[in-house]
């Protein structure tokens, strides 16, 4: 797959979602100071409404410039 994007706006995030022919439990994302492995399903997905009501610090979105997933064989 090849994607070209001419992003001329400085104040927004661009996200690309692609369906893969396999499933993984984790993905790798970049951070300002390195790379981190994260679960594909947020830990608080089952109680996000309750967590939002008590101003939880649970994070439900991830901002990154790249992400990769791999499958173990």
C-alpha atoms as a PDB file:
ATOM      1  CA  UNK A   1       0.000   0.000   0.000  1.00  0.00           C
ATOM      2  CA  UNK A   2       1.252   3.484  -0.800  1.00  0.00           C
ATOM      3  CA  UNK A   3      -0.348   6.637   0.606  1.00  0.00           C
ATOM      4  CA  UNK A   4       0.630  10.222  -0.161  1.00  0.00           C
ATOM      5  CA  UNK A   5      -0.810  13.112   1.807  1.00  0.00           C
ATOM      6  CA  UNK A   6      -0.186  16.823   1.385  1.00  0.00           C
ATOM      7  CA  UNK A   7      -1.030  17.997   4.913  1.00  0.00           C
ATOM      8  CA  UNK A   8      -1.047  21.816   4.914  1.00  0.00           C
ATOM      9  CA  UNK A   9      -2.794  22.328   8.265  1.00  0.00           C
ATOM     10  CA  UNK A  10      -0.749  22.502  11.485  1.00  0.00           C
ATOM     11  CA  UNK A  11      -3.441  22.069  14.140  1.00  0.00           C
ATOM     12  CA  UNK A  12      -5.045  18.683  13.627  1.00  0.00           C
ATOM     13  CA  UNK A  13      -4.271  14.981  13.685  1.00  0.00           C
ATOM     14  CA  UNK A  14      -4.560  12.747  10.636  1.00  0.00           C
ATOM     15  CA  UNK A  15      -5.484   9.128  11.265  1.00  0.00           C
ATOM     16  CA  UNK A  16      -5.539   6.242   8.794  1.00  0.00           C
ATOM     17  CA  UNK A  17      -7.381   3.044   9.681  1.00  0.00           C
ATOM     18  CA  UNK A  18      -6.610  -0.050   7.617  1.00  0.00           C
ATOM     19  CA  UNK A  19      -8.136  -3.498   8.047  1.00  0.00           C
ATOM     20  CA  UNK A  20      -5.487  -6.216   8.265  1.00  0.00           C
ATOM     21  CA  UNK A  21      -5.936  -9.902   7.406  1.00  0.00           C
ATOM     22  CA  UNK A  22      -4.793 -10.877  10.937  1.00  0.00           C
ATOM     23  CA  UNK A  23      -5.475  -9.953  14.577  1.00  0.00           C
ATOM     24  CA  UNK A  24      -2.966  -8.869  17.209  1.00  0.00           C
ATOM     25  CA  UNK A  25      -3.235  -8.173  20.929  1.00  0.00           C
ATOM     26  CA  UNK A  26      -0.758  -5.275  20.940  1.00  0.00           C
ATOM     27  CA  UNK A  27       0.556  -2.519  18.701  1.00  0.00           C
ATOM     28  CA  UNK A  28       3.694  -0.346  18.742  1.00  0.00           C
ATOM     29  CA  UNK A  29       3.348   3.442  18.786  1.00  0.00           C
ATOM     30  CA  UNK A  30       5.858   6.245  18.869  1.00  0.00           C
ATOM     31  CA  UNK A  31       6.025   8.715  21.736  1.00  0.00           C
ATOM     32  CA  UNK A  32       7.980  11.954  22.106  1.00  0.00           C
ATOM     33  CA  UNK A  33      10.886  10.025  23.654  1.00  0.00           C
ATOM     34  CA  UNK A  34      10.716   6.532  22.208  1.00  0.00           C
ATOM     35  CA  UNK A  35       8.441   3.645  21.296  1.00  0.00           C
ATOM     36  CA  UNK A  36       5.849   1.912  23.475  1.00  0.00           C
ATOM     37  CA  UNK A  37       3.891  -1.338  23.125  1.00  0.00           C
ATOM     38  CA  UNK A  38       0.183  -0.924  23.922  1.00  0.00           C
ATOM     39  CA  UNK A  39      -2.799  -3.237  24.160  1.00  0.00           C
ATOM     40  CA  UNK A  40      -5.175  -2.884  21.223  1.00  0.00           C
ATOM     41  CA  UNK A  41      -8.138  -2.862  23.617  1.00  0.00           C
ATOM     42  CA  UNK A  42      -7.974  -0.116  26.278  1.00  0.00           C
ATOM     43  CA  UNK A  43      -8.114  -1.506  29.820  1.00  0.00           C
ATOM     44  CA  UNK A  44     -11.131   0.635  30.776  1.00  0.00           C
ATOM     45  CA  UNK A  45     -13.192  -0.020  27.650  1.00  0.00           C
ATOM     46  CA  UNK A  46     -15.782  -1.987  29.667  1.00  0.00           C
ATOM     47  CA  UNK A  47     -16.449   0.869  32.156  1.00  0.00           C
ATOM     48  CA  UNK A  48     -15.616   4.015  30.196  1.00  0.00           C
ATOM     49  CA  UNK A  49     -18.910   5.715  31.062  1.00  0.00           C
ATOM     50  CA  UNK A  50     -18.318   5.294  34.793  1.00  0.00           C
ATOM     51  CA  UNK A  51     -14.678   6.327  34.455  1.00  0.00           C
ATOM     52  CA  UNK A  52     -15.640   9.497  32.578  1.00  0.00           C
ATOM     53  CA  UNK A  53     -18.173  10.347  35.293  1.00  0.00           C
ATOM     54  CA  UNK A  54     -15.570  10.274  38.055  1.00  0.00           C
ATOM     55  CA  UNK A  55     -12.993  12.182  35.998  1.00  0.00           C
ATOM     56  CA  UNK A  56     -10.730   9.174  35.729  1.00  0.00           C
ATOM     57  CA  UNK A  57      -7.281   9.519  34.275  1.00  0.00           C
ATOM     58  CA  UNK A  58      -8.006   6.589  31.975  1.00  0.00           C
ATOM     59  CA  UNK A  59      -7.010   7.364  28.403  1.00  0.00           C
ATOM     60  CA  UNK A  60      -9.184   6.234  25.532  1.00  0.00           C
ATOM     61  CA  UNK A  61      -7.460   7.852  22.558  1.00  0.00           C
ATOM     62  CA  UNK A  62      -3.874   7.670  21.458  1.00  0.00           C
ATOM     63  CA  UNK A  63      -2.096  10.292  19.429  1.00  0.00           C
ATOM     64  CA  UNK A  64       0.850   9.017  17.470  1.00  0.00           C
ATOM     65  CA  UNK A  65       2.628   9.583  14.196  1.00  0.00           C
ATOM     66  CA  UNK A  66       3.012   5.900  13.401  1.00  0.00           C
ATOM     67  CA  UNK A  67       1.830   2.561  14.640  1.00  0.00           C
ATOM     68  CA  UNK A  68       2.680  -0.966  13.597  1.00  0.00           C
ATOM     69  CA  UNK A  69       1.262  -4.343  14.476  1.00  0.00           C
ATOM     70  CA  UNK A  70       2.804  -7.768  14.107  1.00  0.00           C
ATOM     71  CA  UNK A  71       1.559 -11.282  14.470  1.00  0.00           C
ATOM     72  CA  UNK A  72       3.440 -14.104  16.151  1.00  0.00           C
ATOM     73  CA  UNK A  73       3.833 -17.272  14.097  1.00  0.00           C
END
